[in-house]
Amino acid sequence: MVLVPELADDWAAGDQSGRRVDANGPPHDARAHDVPGAEAKKVLARAPYGRTPLRYLYATGWLDGMKNQASCLFARTTPATTAAQVTKAIRGNRTLRDRLARMQVTAAQAASAIVRGTASAC
């Protein structure tokens, strides 16, 4: 699955990735996913979460689902399996796990937001 390594790399790198991460846009560079920036901002604005970290994770999942339709379809048809795989990948990446913990987001919450965002891209 494509979304897990990309997510781990982007979230573990944080601001060191050279990309601007702020409240006005999703954590991924939308252009790298061939998605207009305005569309990515709309997704972030309509994310079904009140907490900012979960909104970013939802937008991250959506962008990855737009780039890889197979991931999108897999997340839509088998959300529990996908969430379990994402949770396992997050728990296996100490840097990512620590970064999420600083934002008071559990691996299960992060996986749920990512899978929900990925499934919404179909």
Foldseek 3Di string as FASTA:
>chain_A
DPLQVVVLVQLLCDVVVVDDDDPQFASDDLVVLVHDRVVLSVQLVPQPDDQNVLSNLLSSLQSVLSNPVVLLVCLQPPVVVQLVVNLVSCVVRVSNQVSCVVVVHHSSSSSNSNSNSSNVND
